[in-house]
Amino acid sequence: MLPHFTINKEMENGEFSGEKLNKTKSPIAIYIATHKNKWRSINLNTFIDYLNNYQKTNKKYTVPS
């Protein structure tokens, strides 16, 4: 997870993609960056699933795009 300002250039040129999470509880946007061809542990996959599900079920806290 990285603050948006640290990867802003990479996000703009398409090197990274990410998900924004709850802005009201965190003053810094959080992004997940993983290498698409690298193995991910079950723990990391579970964490990513949790964040994705949290965002889907808490739309009122999602930062608008």
Protein backbone atom coordinates (compact mmCIF):
# COMPACT_ATOMS: atom_id res chain seq x y z
CA MET A 1 0.00 0.00 0.00
CA LEU A 2 1.35 3.38 -1.01
CA PRO A 3 0.22 6.98 -0.61
CA HIS A 4 -1.05 8.40 -3.90
CA PHE A 5 1.54 11.20 -3.99
CA THR A 6 4.37 8.64 -4.08
CA ILE A 7 3.07 6.95 -7.24
CA ASN A 8 1.12 9.77 -8.90
CA LYS A 9 3.37 9.87 -12.00
CA GLU A 10 3.20 6.08 -12.43
CA MET A 11 -0.59 6.12 -12.06
CA GLU A 12 -0.93 8.84 -14.70
CA ASN A 13 1.25 7.06 -17.27
CA GLY A 14 -0.38 3.67 -16.66
CA GLU A 15 2.57 1.87 -15.02
CA PHE A 16 0.48 1.31 -11.88
CA SER A 17 -3.21 0.85 -11.30
CA GLY A 18 -4.86 0.87 -7.95
CA GLU A 19 -7.89 1.09 -5.74
CA LYS A 20 -8.77 4.06 -3.57
CA LEU A 21 -10.06 3.29 -0.08
CA ASN A 22 -11.95 5.11 2.67
CA LYS A 23 -10.87 8.77 2.63
CA THR A 24 -12.89 9.73 5.72
CA LYS A 25 -10.89 7.40 7.96
CA SER A 26 -7.52 7.85 6.28
CA PRO A 27 -6.13 11.19 5.10
CA ILE A 28 -3.92 9.43 2.52
CA ALA A 29 -5.26 7.32 -0.36
CA ILE A 30 -4.06 3.70 -0.31
CA TYR A 31 -3.14 1.76 -3.45
CA ILE A 32 -2.20 -1.89 -3.92
CA ALA A 33 0.57 -2.67 -6.40
CA THR A 34 1.54 -6.23 -7.30
CA HIS A 35 3.42 -7.74 -10.19
CA LYS A 36 0.98 -9.58 -12.43
CA ASN A 37 3.44 -12.42 -13.21
CA LYS A 38 4.68 -13.02 -9.66
CA TRP A 39 3.37 -15.53 -7.16
CA ARG A 40 1.18 -14.09 -4.37
CA SER A 41 0.73 -15.79 -1.03
CA ILE A 42 -2.68 -16.81 0.24
CA ASN A 43 -2.26 -14.13 2.92
CA LEU A 44 -1.73 -11.39 0.35
CA ASN A 45 -4.64 -12.62 -1.78
CA THR A 46 -6.88 -12.67 1.29
CA PHE A 47 -5.82 -9.15 2.23
CA ILE A 48 -6.51 -7.87 -1.30
CA ASP A 49 -9.91 -9.61 -1.30
CA TYR A 50 -10.71 -8.04 2.05
CA LEU A 51 -9.87 -4.56 0.80
CA ASN A 52 -11.88 -5.05 -2.39
CA ASN A 53 -14.90 -6.36 -0.44
CA TYR A 54 -14.60 -3.55 2.07
CA GLN A 55 -14.69 -0.99 -0.70
CA LYS A 56 -17.72 -2.62 -2.35
CA THR A 57 -19.71 -2.77 0.89
CA ASN A 58 -18.75 0.72 2.11
CA LYS A 59 -19.51 2.86 -0.94
CA LYS A 60 -20.39 5.87 1.20
CA TYR A 61 -16.73 6.02 2.29
CA THR A 62 -15.20 5.50 -1.15
CA VAL A 63 -13.33 8.44 -2.62
CA PRO A 64 -15.03 9.57 -5.84
CA SER A 65 -12.95 9.15 -9.00
